[in-house]
N, C-alpha and C. Protein backbone atom coordinates (compact mmCIF):
# COMPACT_ATOMS: atom_id res chain seq x y z
N MET A 1 -70.03 15.94 -55.85
CA MET A 1 -68.47 15.81 -55.69
C MET A 1 -68.41 16.30 -53.72
N ALA A 2 -67.59 15.80 -52.77
CA ALA A 2 -67.36 15.94 -51.60
C ALA A 2 -66.27 17.50 -51.75
N LYS A 3 -67.10 18.47 -50.66
CA LYS A 3 -66.13 19.56 -50.74
C LYS A 3 -64.69 19.24 -49.59
N SER A 4 -63.78 20.05 -50.11
CA SER A 4 -62.72 20.16 -49.44
C SER A 4 -61.99 21.59 -49.62
N VAL A 5 -61.40 21.81 -48.41
CA VAL A 5 -60.70 23.08 -48.26
C VAL A 5 -58.69 23.05 -48.10
N ASN A 6 -58.39 23.64 -48.68
CA ASN A 6 -56.95 23.58 -48.36
C ASN A 6 -56.31 25.04 -48.22
N LYS A 7 -56.51 25.75 -46.78
CA LYS A 7 -56.14 27.06 -46.47
C LYS A 7 -55.23 27.04 -45.16
N VAL A 8 -54.53 27.90 -45.20
CA VAL A 8 -53.49 27.99 -44.04
C VAL A 8 -53.40 29.48 -43.60
N ILE A 9 -53.58 29.89 -42.36
CA ILE A 9 -53.52 31.19 -42.03
C ILE A 9 -52.39 31.18 -40.86
N LEU A 10 -51.21 31.94 -40.86
CA LEU A 10 -50.17 31.79 -40.15
C LEU A 10 -49.92 33.08 -40.07
N LEU A 11 -49.07 33.65 -38.60
CA LEU A 11 -48.96 34.85 -38.00
C LEU A 11 -47.81 34.71 -37.08
N GLY A 12 -46.32 34.95 -37.51
CA GLY A 12 -45.18 34.73 -37.13
C GLY A 12 -43.93 36.02 -37.62
N ASN A 13 -42.82 35.19 -37.44
CA ASN A 13 -41.84 35.95 -37.72
C ASN A 13 -40.95 35.33 -39.01
N VAL A 14 -40.61 36.36 -39.56
CA VAL A 14 -39.57 35.66 -40.97
C VAL A 14 -38.20 35.43 -40.27
N GLY A 15 -37.68 34.17 -40.87
CA GLY A 15 -36.82 33.76 -39.90
C GLY A 15 -35.32 34.03 -40.67
N LYS A 16 -35.13 34.08 -41.76
CA LYS A 16 -33.92 35.08 -42.36
C LYS A 16 -34.48 35.79 -43.72
N ASP A 17 -33.70 36.77 -44.44
CA ASP A 17 -34.03 37.71 -45.44
C ASP A 17 -34.59 36.69 -46.64
N PRO A 18 -35.42 37.01 -46.90
CA PRO A 18 -36.08 36.33 -48.45
C PRO A 18 -35.45 36.15 -49.65
N GLU A 19 -35.76 35.10 -50.23
CA GLU A 19 -34.50 34.96 -51.39
C GLU A 19 -35.22 35.06 -52.82
N ILE A 20 -34.90 36.12 -53.31
CA ILE A 20 -35.95 36.59 -54.43
C ILE A 20 -35.14 36.00 -55.66
N ARG A 21 -35.98 35.40 -57.07
CA ARG A 21 -35.48 35.53 -58.03
C ARG A 21 -36.76 35.28 -59.08
N ALA A 22 -36.05 35.31 -60.32
CA ALA A 22 -37.13 35.38 -61.45
C ALA A 22 -37.13 34.01 -62.33
N THR A 23 -38.00 33.72 -62.91
CA THR A 23 -38.10 32.48 -63.89
C THR A 23 -37.53 32.94 -65.30
N PRO A 24 -37.14 31.91 -65.90
CA PRO A 24 -36.80 32.49 -67.18
C PRO A 24 -37.74 32.99 -67.90
N SER A 25 -39.04 33.05 -67.41
CA SER A 25 -40.00 33.86 -68.19
C SER A 25 -40.37 35.21 -67.73
N GLY A 26 -39.66 35.61 -66.68
CA GLY A 26 -39.43 36.75 -66.21
C GLY A 26 -40.70 36.71 -64.92
N THR A 27 -41.25 36.02 -64.25
CA THR A 27 -42.16 35.66 -63.04
C THR A 27 -40.98 36.00 -61.73
N MET A 28 -41.49 36.75 -60.91
CA MET A 28 -40.60 36.98 -60.01
C MET A 28 -41.25 36.13 -58.84
N VAL A 29 -40.07 35.58 -57.97
CA VAL A 29 -40.47 34.47 -57.05
C VAL A 29 -40.00 34.86 -55.75
N ALA A 30 -40.51 34.84 -54.60
CA ALA A 30 -39.93 35.12 -53.55
C ALA A 30 -39.61 33.62 -52.24
N ASN A 31 -38.92 33.18 -51.76
CA ASN A 31 -39.03 32.08 -51.12
C ASN A 31 -38.54 32.71 -49.72
N PHE A 32 -39.24 32.20 -48.78
CA PHE A 32 -38.30 32.68 -47.31
C PHE A 32 -39.15 31.85 -46.05
N SER A 33 -38.70 31.76 -44.98
CA SER A 33 -39.20 30.76 -43.69
C SER A 33 -40.05 31.75 -43.12
N LEU A 34 -40.94 31.26 -42.20
CA LEU A 34 -41.64 31.77 -41.24
C LEU A 34 -42.03 31.22 -40.07
N ALA A 35 -41.36 31.63 -38.72
CA ALA A 35 -41.71 31.12 -37.63
C ALA A 35 -42.99 31.16 -36.86
N THR A 36 -43.78 30.19 -36.20
CA THR A 36 -44.55 30.33 -35.30
C THR A 36 -44.36 29.39 -34.20
N THR A 37 -44.89 30.42 -32.96
CA THR A 37 -44.66 29.78 -31.52
C THR A 37 -45.48 29.71 -30.71
N ASP A 38 -45.74 28.62 -30.08
CA ASP A 38 -46.84 27.80 -29.30
C ASP A 38 -46.03 28.02 -27.92
N ARG A 39 -46.61 28.56 -26.85
CA ARG A 39 -46.19 28.48 -25.62
C ARG A 39 -46.99 27.04 -25.17
N VAL A 40 -46.38 26.16 -24.52
CA VAL A 40 -47.04 24.83 -24.08
C VAL A 40 -46.10 24.76 -22.70
N LYS A 41 -47.33 24.18 -21.27
CA LYS A 41 -46.85 23.98 -20.09
C LYS A 41 -46.70 22.50 -20.12
N ASP A 42 -45.38 21.90 -19.62
CA ASP A 42 -45.17 20.73 -19.72
C ASP A 42 -45.94 19.91 -18.28
N PRO A 43 -45.76 18.80 -18.02
CA PRO A 43 -46.12 18.09 -16.94
C PRO A 43 -46.18 18.79 -15.60
N SER A 44 -44.86 18.88 -15.15
CA SER A 44 -44.35 19.78 -14.05
C SER A 44 -44.62 21.22 -13.80
N GLY A 45 -45.30 21.72 -14.92
CA GLY A 45 -45.94 23.13 -15.10
C GLY A 45 -44.50 24.36 -15.19
N ASN A 46 -44.18 23.60 -15.77
CA ASN A 46 -42.79 24.60 -16.75
C ASN A 46 -43.15 25.06 -18.02
N TRP A 47 -43.28 26.42 -18.27
CA TRP A 47 -43.76 26.75 -19.43
C TRP A 47 -42.62 26.87 -20.85
N SER A 48 -43.02 26.40 -21.72
CA SER A 48 -41.94 26.51 -22.89
C SER A 48 -42.60 26.92 -24.20
N ASP A 49 -41.26 27.35 -24.92
CA ASP A 49 -41.97 27.50 -26.58
C ASP A 49 -41.80 26.56 -27.14
N ARG A 50 -42.57 26.41 -28.36
CA ARG A 50 -42.32 25.23 -29.32
C ARG A 50 -42.30 26.30 -30.57
N THR A 51 -41.46 26.41 -31.55
CA THR A 51 -41.20 27.03 -32.85
C THR A 51 -41.54 26.09 -33.93
N GLU A 52 -42.33 26.10 -34.85
CA GLU A 52 -42.51 25.40 -35.91
C GLU A 52 -41.92 26.86 -37.26
N TRP A 53 -41.51 25.96 -37.77
CA TRP A 53 -41.20 26.76 -39.10
C TRP A 53 -41.82 26.30 -40.24
N HIS A 54 -41.97 27.07 -41.15
CA HIS A 54 -42.64 26.96 -42.32
C HIS A 54 -42.05 27.93 -43.70
N ASN A 55 -42.03 26.77 -44.70
CA ASN A 55 -41.54 27.25 -45.91
C ASN A 55 -42.72 27.82 -46.77
N LEU A 56 -42.43 29.15 -47.19
CA LEU A 56 -42.94 29.88 -48.25
C LEU A 56 -42.65 30.46 -49.33
N VAL A 57 -44.24 30.42 -50.40
CA VAL A 57 -43.59 30.84 -51.90
C VAL A 57 -44.55 31.81 -52.10
N ALA A 58 -43.89 33.01 -52.62
CA ALA A 58 -44.87 33.79 -53.28
C ALA A 58 -44.57 34.35 -54.41
N PHE A 59 -45.45 34.76 -55.52
CA PHE A 59 -45.16 35.12 -57.06
C PHE A 59 -45.81 36.38 -57.32
N GLN A 60 -44.89 36.80 -58.31
CA GLN A 60 -45.66 38.19 -59.19
C GLN A 60 -45.57 39.15 -57.99
N ARG A 61 -46.24 39.90 -57.96
CA ARG A 61 -46.36 41.22 -57.43
C ARG A 61 -46.20 40.91 -55.84
N THR A 62 -46.87 40.07 -55.54
CA THR A 62 -46.04 39.54 -53.88
C THR A 62 -45.03 39.41 -53.70
N ALA A 63 -44.51 38.81 -54.76
CA ALA A 63 -42.92 38.65 -54.38
C ALA A 63 -42.32 40.21 -54.37
N GLU A 64 -42.66 40.80 -55.12
CA GLU A 64 -42.54 42.13 -55.67
C GLU A 64 -42.03 42.91 -54.20
N ILE A 65 -43.32 42.90 -53.63
CA ILE A 65 -43.35 43.70 -52.19
C ILE A 65 -42.63 42.80 -51.19
N ILE A 66 -42.73 41.25 -51.19
CA ILE A 66 -41.73 40.73 -50.66
C ILE A 66 -40.24 41.46 -50.50
N ARG A 67 -40.02 41.61 -51.74
CA ARG A 67 -38.70 42.10 -51.72
C ARG A 67 -38.28 43.16 -51.44
N ASP A 68 -39.28 44.07 -51.67
CA ASP A 68 -39.23 45.69 -51.08
C ASP A 68 -39.67 46.16 -49.69
N TYR A 69 -40.22 44.75 -49.06
CA TYR A 69 -40.59 45.20 -47.38
C TYR A 69 -40.27 44.04 -46.50
N VAL A 70 -39.94 42.86 -46.91
CA VAL A 70 -39.89 42.04 -46.00
C VAL A 70 -37.99 41.72 -45.58
N LYS A 71 -37.62 41.70 -44.52
CA LYS A 71 -36.67 41.03 -44.02
C LYS A 71 -36.53 40.37 -42.91
N LYS A 72 -35.19 39.55 -42.38
CA LYS A 72 -35.43 39.04 -41.41
C LYS A 72 -36.29 39.51 -40.13
N GLY A 73 -37.29 38.96 -39.64
CA GLY A 73 -37.60 39.55 -38.12
C GLY A 73 -38.98 40.55 -38.46
N SER A 74 -39.44 40.26 -40.05
CA SER A 74 -40.62 40.89 -40.23
C SER A 74 -41.89 40.07 -39.54
N LYS A 75 -42.88 40.74 -38.83
CA LYS A 75 -44.32 40.17 -38.40
C LYS A 75 -44.68 40.25 -39.57
N LEU A 76 -45.11 39.11 -40.05
CA LEU A 76 -46.28 38.83 -41.13
C LEU A 76 -47.40 37.86 -40.68
N TYR A 77 -48.72 38.29 -41.52
CA TYR A 77 -49.86 37.46 -41.59
C TYR A 77 -50.01 37.00 -42.74
N VAL A 78 -50.16 35.83 -42.61
CA VAL A 78 -50.29 35.28 -44.35
C VAL A 78 -51.17 33.87 -44.26
N GLU A 79 -52.14 34.21 -45.37
CA GLU A 79 -52.87 33.42 -45.84
C GLU A 79 -52.56 32.87 -47.41
N GLY A 80 -52.61 31.30 -47.30
CA GLY A 80 -52.37 30.50 -48.69
C GLY A 80 -52.68 29.50 -48.54
N LYS A 81 -52.13 28.42 -49.40
CA LYS A 81 -52.65 27.17 -49.13
C LYS A 81 -51.24 25.79 -49.32
N ILE A 82 -51.47 24.69 -48.89
CA ILE A 82 -50.11 23.60 -48.68
C ILE A 82 -50.11 23.11 -49.99
N GLN A 83 -48.89 23.17 -50.52
CA GLN A 83 -48.39 22.33 -51.49
C GLN A 83 -47.16 21.49 -51.45
N THR A 84 -47.26 20.02 -51.78
CA THR A 84 -46.04 19.34 -51.54
C THR A 84 -45.61 19.07 -53.14
N ARG A 85 -44.17 19.25 -53.11
CA ARG A 85 -43.46 19.23 -54.58
C ARG A 85 -42.85 18.03 -54.56
N SER A 86 -42.29 17.24 -55.47
CA SER A 86 -41.55 16.20 -55.20
C SER A 86 -40.61 16.17 -56.69
N TRP A 87 -39.19 15.75 -56.51
CA TRP A 87 -38.28 15.60 -57.73
C TRP A 87 -37.53 14.70 -57.24
N ASP A 88 -36.58 14.41 -58.37
CA ASP A 88 -35.76 13.63 -58.11
C ASP A 88 -33.95 14.12 -57.84
N ASP A 89 -33.57 13.80 -56.96
CA ASP A 89 -32.21 14.22 -57.05
C ASP A 89 -31.33 13.97 -57.68
N LYS A 90 -30.51 14.83 -58.46
CA LYS A 90 -29.67 14.77 -59.49
C LYS A 90 -28.62 13.85 -58.97
N THR A 91 -27.85 13.81 -57.76
CA THR A 91 -26.99 12.90 -57.13
C THR A 91 -27.07 12.05 -56.77
N SER A 92 -28.20 11.59 -55.91
CA SER A 92 -28.32 10.55 -55.61
C SER A 92 -29.49 9.58 -55.90
N GLY A 93 -30.38 10.12 -57.03
CA GLY A 93 -31.82 9.87 -57.97
C GLY A 93 -32.56 9.38 -56.57
N GLU A 94 -32.45 9.83 -55.50
CA GLU A 94 -33.66 9.53 -54.40
C GLU A 94 -34.70 10.56 -54.65
N LYS A 95 -35.76 10.50 -54.18
CA LYS A 95 -37.21 11.45 -54.53
C LYS A 95 -37.01 12.05 -53.25
N LYS A 96 -37.49 13.45 -53.77
CA LYS A 96 -36.80 14.40 -52.43
C LYS A 96 -38.39 15.14 -52.55
N TYR A 97 -38.71 15.86 -51.35
CA TYR A 97 -40.43 15.96 -51.43
C TYR A 97 -39.78 17.68 -50.28
N ARG A 98 -41.03 18.52 -50.87
CA ARG A 98 -40.83 19.74 -50.12
C ARG A 98 -42.39 20.04 -49.79
N THR A 99 -42.77 20.62 -48.55
CA THR A 99 -43.96 21.27 -48.12
C THR A 99 -43.94 22.11 -48.08
N GLU A 100 -44.53 23.15 -48.85
CA GLU A 100 -44.31 24.90 -48.51
C GLU A 100 -45.97 25.15 -48.81
N ILE A 101 -45.97 26.63 -48.35
CA ILE A 101 -47.40 27.38 -48.13
C ILE A 101 -47.20 28.16 -49.54
N LEU A 102 -47.75 28.12 -50.70
CA LEU A 102 -48.13 29.16 -51.90
C LEU A 102 -48.96 30.27 -50.94
N VAL A 103 -48.58 31.60 -50.96
CA VAL A 103 -49.19 32.81 -50.31
C VAL A 103 -49.88 33.18 -51.43
N ASN A 104 -51.16 33.43 -50.71
CA ASN A 104 -52.27 34.43 -51.48
C ASN A 104 -52.45 35.68 -50.89
N ASP A 105 -52.80 35.93 -49.71
CA ASP A 105 -52.85 37.21 -49.02
C ASP A 105 -51.42 37.18 -47.85
N LEU A 106 -51.14 38.82 -47.92
CA LEU A 106 -50.24 38.99 -47.25
C LEU A 106 -50.31 40.10 -46.68
N SER A 107 -50.01 40.45 -45.53
CA SER A 107 -50.05 41.95 -44.42
C SER A 107 -48.61 41.82 -43.43
N LEU A 108 -48.10 42.89 -43.79
CA LEU A 108 -46.97 43.16 -42.90
C LEU A 108 -47.32 44.34 -41.61
N LEU A 109 -46.99 43.65 -40.50
CA LEU A 109 -47.19 43.88 -39.41
C LEU A 109 -45.95 44.60 -38.41
N SER A 110 -45.17 44.52 -38.86
CA SER A 110 -43.99 45.36 -38.47
C SER A 110 -44.03 47.08 -38.62
N GLY A 111 -43.84 47.47 -37.55
CA GLY A 111 -44.26 49.07 -37.37
C GLY A 111 -42.89 49.57 -38.15
N ARG A 112 -42.83 51.19 -38.23
CA ARG A 112 -41.77 51.79 -39.07
C ARG A 112 -40.37 51.54 -38.31
N GLY A 113 -40.61 51.90 -37.11
CA GLY A 113 -39.18 51.39 -36.35
C GLY A 113 -38.76 50.35 -36.23
N GLU A 114 -39.41 49.23 -36.48
CA GLU A 114 -39.26 47.81 -36.05
C GLU A 114 -38.45 46.89 -36.93
N GLU A 115 -37.96 45.89 -36.91
CA GLU A 115 -37.39 45.07 -38.04
C GLU A 115 -38.51 44.76 -38.70
N GLY A 116 -38.24 44.95 -40.05
CA GLY A 116 -38.40 44.52 -41.11
C GLY A 116 -39.42 45.29 -41.61
N GLY A 117 -39.49 46.78 -40.96
CA GLY A 117 -40.55 47.70 -41.94
C GLY A 117 -41.63 47.80 -41.81
N GLY A 118 -42.12 47.83 -42.96
CA GLY A 118 -43.52 47.67 -43.31
C GLY A 118 -44.53 48.55 -43.12
N GLY A 119 -44.69 48.80 -41.61
CA GLY A 119 -45.89 49.90 -41.72
C GLY A 119 -47.35 49.58 -41.82
N GLY A 120 -47.68 48.44 -41.71
CA GLY A 120 -48.93 47.95 -42.09
C GLY A 120 -49.47 47.82 -43.47
N TYR A 121 -48.53 47.52 -44.61
CA TYR A 121 -48.84 47.24 -46.16
C TYR A 121 -49.89 45.84 -46.39
N THR A 122 -50.77 45.92 -47.03
CA THR A 122 -51.37 44.68 -47.48
C THR A 122 -51.55 44.26 -48.60
N ARG A 123 -51.12 42.87 -49.09
CA ARG A 123 -51.18 42.80 -50.30
C ARG A 123 -52.34 41.36 -50.56
N SER A 124 -53.36 41.23 -51.29
CA SER A 124 -54.18 40.32 -51.64
C SER A 124 -54.47 40.05 -53.05
N GLY A 125 -54.64 38.90 -53.21
CA GLY A 125 -54.62 38.31 -54.77
C GLY A 125 -54.00 37.05 -54.96
N SER A 126 -54.47 36.66 -55.93
CA SER A 126 -53.32 35.18 -56.43
C SER A 126 -52.92 35.43 -57.37
N SER A 127 -53.32 35.15 -58.51
CA SER A 127 -52.19 35.29 -59.67
C SER A 127 -52.46 36.44 -60.39
N SER A 128 -53.37 37.12 -59.88
CA SER A 128 -53.85 38.78 -60.73
C SER A 128 -52.68 39.64 -60.36
N SER A 129 -52.65 40.53 -61.48
CA SER A 129 -51.50 41.34 -61.22
C SER A 129 -51.72 42.77 -60.43
N ALA A 130 -53.14 42.71 -60.03
CA ALA A 130 -53.77 44.32 -59.19
C ALA A 130 -53.33 44.26 -57.85
N SER A 131 -52.82 45.15 -57.15
CA SER A 131 -52.45 45.32 -56.30
C SER A 131 -53.20 45.87 -55.11
N SER A 132 -53.35 45.58 -53.81
CA SER A 132 -54.29 46.00 -52.56
C SER A 132 -53.21 46.73 -51.84
N THR A 133 -52.68 47.77 -51.78
CA THR A 133 -51.86 48.62 -50.74
C THR A 133 -52.66 49.43 -49.76
N SER A 134 -53.07 48.97 -48.61
CA SER A 134 -53.74 50.05 -47.78
C SER A 134 -52.80 51.20 -46.90
N PHE A 135 -53.21 52.12 -47.26
CA PHE A 135 -52.48 53.42 -46.14
C PHE A 135 -54.06 54.33 -45.37
N ASP A 136 -53.65 54.50 -44.05
CA ASP A 136 -54.36 54.99 -43.52
C ASP A 136 -54.25 56.49 -43.79
N GLN A 137 -55.54 56.98 -44.91
CA GLN A 137 -55.34 58.51 -45.23
C GLN A 137 -56.08 59.41 -44.64
N ARG A 138 -56.96 59.29 -43.63
CA ARG A 138 -57.84 59.52 -42.61
C ARG A 138 -56.76 60.98 -42.21
N SER A 139 -57.62 62.55 -42.01
CA SER A 139 -56.91 63.22 -41.16
C SER A 139 -56.89 63.25 -39.96
N PRO A 140 -55.92 63.83 -39.03
CA PRO A 140 -55.93 63.54 -37.77
C PRO A 140 -57.23 64.28 -36.87
N ALA A 141 -57.49 63.13 -36.01
CA ALA A 141 -58.67 63.60 -35.14
C ALA A 141 -58.57 65.58 -34.47
N PRO A 142 -59.42 66.07 -34.26
CA PRO A 142 -59.04 67.39 -33.32
C PRO A 142 -58.59 66.58 -32.25
N THR A 143 -58.22 67.49 -31.18
CA THR A 143 -57.21 67.30 -29.74
C THR A 143 -57.87 68.57 -28.94
N GLU A 144 -58.15 68.06 -27.80
CA GLU A 144 -58.60 69.33 -27.07
C GLU A 144 -57.05 69.10 -25.66
N ASP A 145 -56.92 70.24 -25.63
CA ASP A 145 -55.64 70.52 -24.37
C ASP A 145 -56.13 70.13 -23.23
N TYR A 146 -55.48 69.51 -22.81
CA TYR A 146 -55.64 69.14 -21.30
C TYR A 146 -54.09 69.24 -20.58
N GLY A 147 -53.77 70.01 -20.96
CA GLY A 147 -52.21 70.00 -20.05
C GLY A 147 -51.03 69.67 -20.85
N GLN A 148 -51.30 68.52 -21.52
CA GLN A 148 -50.40 67.90 -22.02
C GLN A 148 -50.53 67.55 -23.77
N SER A 149 -49.69 67.26 -24.46
CA SER A 149 -49.89 67.17 -26.00
C SER A 149 -50.91 66.01 -25.82
N ALA A 150 -51.82 65.64 -26.87
CA ALA A 150 -52.44 64.78 -27.24
C ALA A 150 -52.13 64.01 -28.40
N GLU A 151 -51.04 63.99 -29.01
CA GLU A 151 -50.35 63.57 -30.39
C GLU A 151 -49.84 62.34 -29.75
N ILE A 152 -50.42 61.68 -30.80
CA ILE A 152 -49.78 60.05 -30.27
C ILE A 152 -48.68 59.64 -31.29
N THR A 153 -47.75 59.28 -30.94
CA THR A 153 -46.48 58.57 -32.02
C THR A 153 -46.44 56.93 -31.71
N ASP A 154 -45.33 56.84 -32.78
CA ASP A 154 -45.09 55.23 -32.70
C ASP A 154 -44.92 54.81 -31.36
N ASP A 155 -44.15 55.48 -30.84
CA ASP A 155 -43.30 55.06 -29.39
C ASP A 155 -44.37 54.88 -28.62
N ASP A 156 -45.85 55.72 -28.51
CA ASP A 156 -46.84 55.46 -27.50
C ASP A 156 -47.70 54.05 -27.78
N ILE A 157 -47.56 53.42 -28.52
CA ILE A 157 -47.97 52.16 -29.13
C ILE A 157 -47.67 51.18 -28.37
N PRO A 158 -48.49 50.05 -27.81
CA PRO A 158 -47.61 49.14 -26.71
C PRO A 158 -46.71 47.93 -27.56
N PHE A 159 -47.23 47.90 -28.79
CA PHE A 159 -46.59 46.71 -29.27
C PHE A 159 -45.94 47.23 -30.92
């Protein structure tokens, strides 16, 4: 059997607040859109941005993390797979399609003071209920006094 791969990696910003719901069986589901932007140069040498919108879906614990920490403007790193669903429209009877990314891994990249909160939390895993949230628990490095404060704050970080 030939090997195949269905893997998507996205780094972008959330377009609007996620929609959160629960299935009749109680499974949490989060639906949201993510924008990725490429900067391209046209034939006359002018730069322009091209934004691509992606529909994302997350389940269970990942959906709960999205509910609690993700909002419009949040910067996310997402790994997942592409899935296309189809259904018959109830009013027209026409067959409809929707291509979306099923989220397997999620990292919140927005800082505390930025849109979306986040602070660097990470969630990995597919259908398991185990969560993997990482925090930097190291003690601060000793500092030497060079005539000014050596403490670094969120305002000192350039991104």
